[in-house]
Amino acid sequence: MVLFQSLTGKSLHSLNMVYLNDLGWLIDQSLKEIRVKIKILNEEEENKQFQLEPTGLLVPATTDH
């Protein structure tokens, strides 16, 4: 209901505390998911910066342009 109201351009001033709490919870969950995705992407980027040589030694990854 809240999402529909906001998408149709109606004011959200008439919402009661139950709807506002639900909206707050939804926002918090979305932020948690975003933080997890950012962390995963950062870890993947860090792993790409080094590659494992056949000898087992880590060396900086090279990029081909």
Foldseek 3Di string as FASTA:
>chain_A
DQVVCVVVPHDPVPDDPVVVVVVVVVVVVVVVVVVVVVVVVVVVVVVQQWDADPVRDIDGDDDDD
